[in-house]
Amino acid sequence: MKTFAVDTEEWSNSSYGSRATFRKDGVTHLVDYNKKGKWSSTLRIYGEKNLPKDVRSQVRSVYYDYSIVTVSELTVPQHLIYFVKVENETTLKTVRIANGEMEQIQEFNRGDK
């Protein structure tokens, strides 16, 4: 069994099962378990510096005039999906990267600037 020290830890229950929420080294982890206690997913939320270099390069190759604001890394059985929020002065976008494929899934304009 793997154990490690965390900054904060919180457990919650819902109709689907339970969730452990904790922070370690500046990364927020949300780990979900079903009602039988079996792991179902992990969501990690972090900044650009923790994004794998190949994924960061893929995003930067298209959104080179944008800053990477935050990354949500979703791990479910047999899948790893990145949701990367990028911004510039006028626009906030969310890009999804899965299986090497990148797709913009949201775009918000900041209004008049």
Protein backbone atom coordinates (compact mmCIF):
# COMPACT_ATOMS: atom_id res chain seq x y z
CA MET A 1 0.00 0.00 0.00
CA LYS A 2 1.40 3.39 -1.04
CA THR A 3 1.13 6.23 1.48
CA PHE A 4 2.41 9.79 1.45
CA ALA A 5 2.03 13.01 3.40
CA VAL A 6 -0.45 15.58 2.10
CA ASP A 7 -1.04 19.25 2.89
CA THR A 8 -4.80 18.92 3.51
CA GLU A 9 -7.26 16.02 3.35
CA GLU A 10 -11.06 15.86 3.27
CA TRP A 11 -13.49 12.99 2.69
CA SER A 12 -17.08 13.29 1.50
CA ASN A 13 -19.88 10.85 0.63
CA SER A 14 -22.60 11.05 -2.00
CA SER A 15 -25.07 8.78 -3.76
CA TYR A 16 -22.31 7.51 -6.13
CA GLY A 17 -19.76 6.66 -3.43
CA SER A 18 -17.04 8.69 -1.74
CA ARG A 19 -14.40 11.28 -2.62
CA ALA A 20 -11.04 12.04 -1.11
CA THR A 21 -9.82 15.59 -1.72
CA PHE A 22 -6.28 16.56 -0.86
CA ARG A 23 -3.38 18.81 -1.85
CA LYS A 24 0.19 17.69 -2.29
CA ASP A 25 3.01 19.85 -3.60
CA GLY A 26 0.57 22.48 -4.91
CA VAL A 27 -1.55 19.97 -6.83
CA THR A 28 -5.20 19.39 -5.88
CA HIS A 29 -6.33 15.76 -6.12
CA LEU A 30 -9.97 14.60 -6.16
CA VAL A 31 -10.13 10.81 -6.00
CA ASP A 32 -13.52 9.12 -6.45
CA TYR A 33 -14.52 5.65 -5.29
CA ASN A 34 -17.76 3.80 -5.99
CA LYS A 35 -20.06 2.51 -3.25
CA LYS A 36 -18.00 -0.69 -2.97
CA GLY A 37 -14.80 1.29 -2.39
CA LYS A 38 -13.32 0.65 -5.84
CA TRP A 39 -11.44 3.53 -7.45
CA SER A 40 -13.39 5.15 -10.31
CA SER A 41 -11.50 8.35 -11.22
CA THR A 42 -8.88 10.88 -10.23
CA LEU A 43 -8.95 14.56 -11.10
CA ARG A 44 -5.72 16.51 -10.59
CA ILE A 45 -5.72 20.30 -10.89
CA TYR A 46 -2.46 22.17 -11.35
CA GLY A 47 -0.57 24.88 -13.21
CA GLU A 48 1.52 24.86 -16.36
CA LYS A 49 4.75 23.76 -14.67
CA ASN A 50 3.25 20.32 -13.87
CA LEU A 51 1.92 19.73 -17.39
CA PRO A 52 3.92 17.03 -19.23
CA LYS A 53 6.28 18.63 -21.76
CA ASP A 54 4.78 16.84 -24.77
CA VAL A 55 1.26 18.01 -23.91
CA ARG A 56 2.48 21.55 -23.19
CA SER A 57 4.29 21.62 -26.55
CA GLN A 58 1.16 20.42 -28.33
CA VAL A 59 -0.91 23.22 -26.77
CA ARG A 60 1.75 25.87 -27.30
CA SER A 61 2.14 24.91 -30.99
CA VAL A 62 -1.41 26.14 -31.65
CA TYR A 63 -2.04 28.62 -28.82
CA TYR A 64 1.38 30.29 -28.85
CA ASP A 65 -0.02 33.75 -28.02
CA TYR A 66 -1.93 32.44 -24.98
CA SER A 67 -0.96 31.79 -21.37
CA ILE A 68 -1.78 28.43 -19.82
CA VAL A 69 -3.97 29.28 -16.83
CA THR A 70 -4.82 25.91 -15.31
CA VAL A 71 -4.82 22.21 -16.13
CA SER A 72 -7.38 19.60 -15.08
CA GLU A 73 -6.06 16.08 -15.63
CA LEU A 74 -8.77 13.42 -15.52
CA THR A 75 -7.81 9.78 -15.14
CA VAL A 76 -10.53 7.16 -15.53
CA PRO A 77 -10.05 3.46 -16.22
CA GLN A 78 -7.98 3.20 -19.41
CA HIS A 79 -8.16 6.93 -20.26
CA LEU A 80 -6.16 10.05 -19.47
CA ILE A 81 -7.68 13.37 -20.55
CA TYR A 82 -6.25 16.86 -20.13
CA PHE A 83 -8.43 19.97 -20.01
CA VAL A 84 -6.17 22.99 -20.46
CA LYS A 85 -7.45 26.53 -19.97
CA VAL A 86 -5.58 29.15 -21.98
CA GLU A 87 -6.11 32.89 -22.10
CA ASN A 88 -5.01 36.06 -23.78
CA GLU A 89 -6.20 39.63 -23.27
CA THR A 90 -9.58 39.04 -24.93
CA THR A 91 -10.33 35.31 -24.82
CA LEU A 92 -10.46 32.34 -22.45
CA LYS A 93 -10.46 28.89 -24.09
CA THR A 94 -10.58 25.31 -22.89
CA VAL A 95 -8.73 22.69 -24.91
CA ARG A 96 -9.16 18.93 -24.43
CA ILE A 97 -6.27 16.58 -25.19
CA ALA A 98 -6.93 12.83 -25.27
CA ASN A 99 -5.09 10.08 -27.13
CA GLY A 100 -2.82 12.67 -28.73
CA GLU A 101 -5.79 14.53 -30.25
CA MET A 102 -6.40 18.16 -29.31
CA GLU A 103 -9.78 19.88 -29.59
CA GLN A 104 -11.02 23.28 -28.44
CA ILE A 105 -14.21 22.69 -26.44
CA GLN A 106 -14.99 26.16 -24.98
CA GLU A 107 -14.38 29.79 -25.80
CA PHE A 108 -15.38 32.89 -23.85
CA ASN A 109 -14.79 36.48 -24.89
CA ARG A 110 -13.77 38.86 -22.12
CA GLY A 111 -15.78 41.74 -23.58
CA ASP A 112 -14.45 45.12 -24.60
CA LYS A 113 -10.77 45.68 -23.82
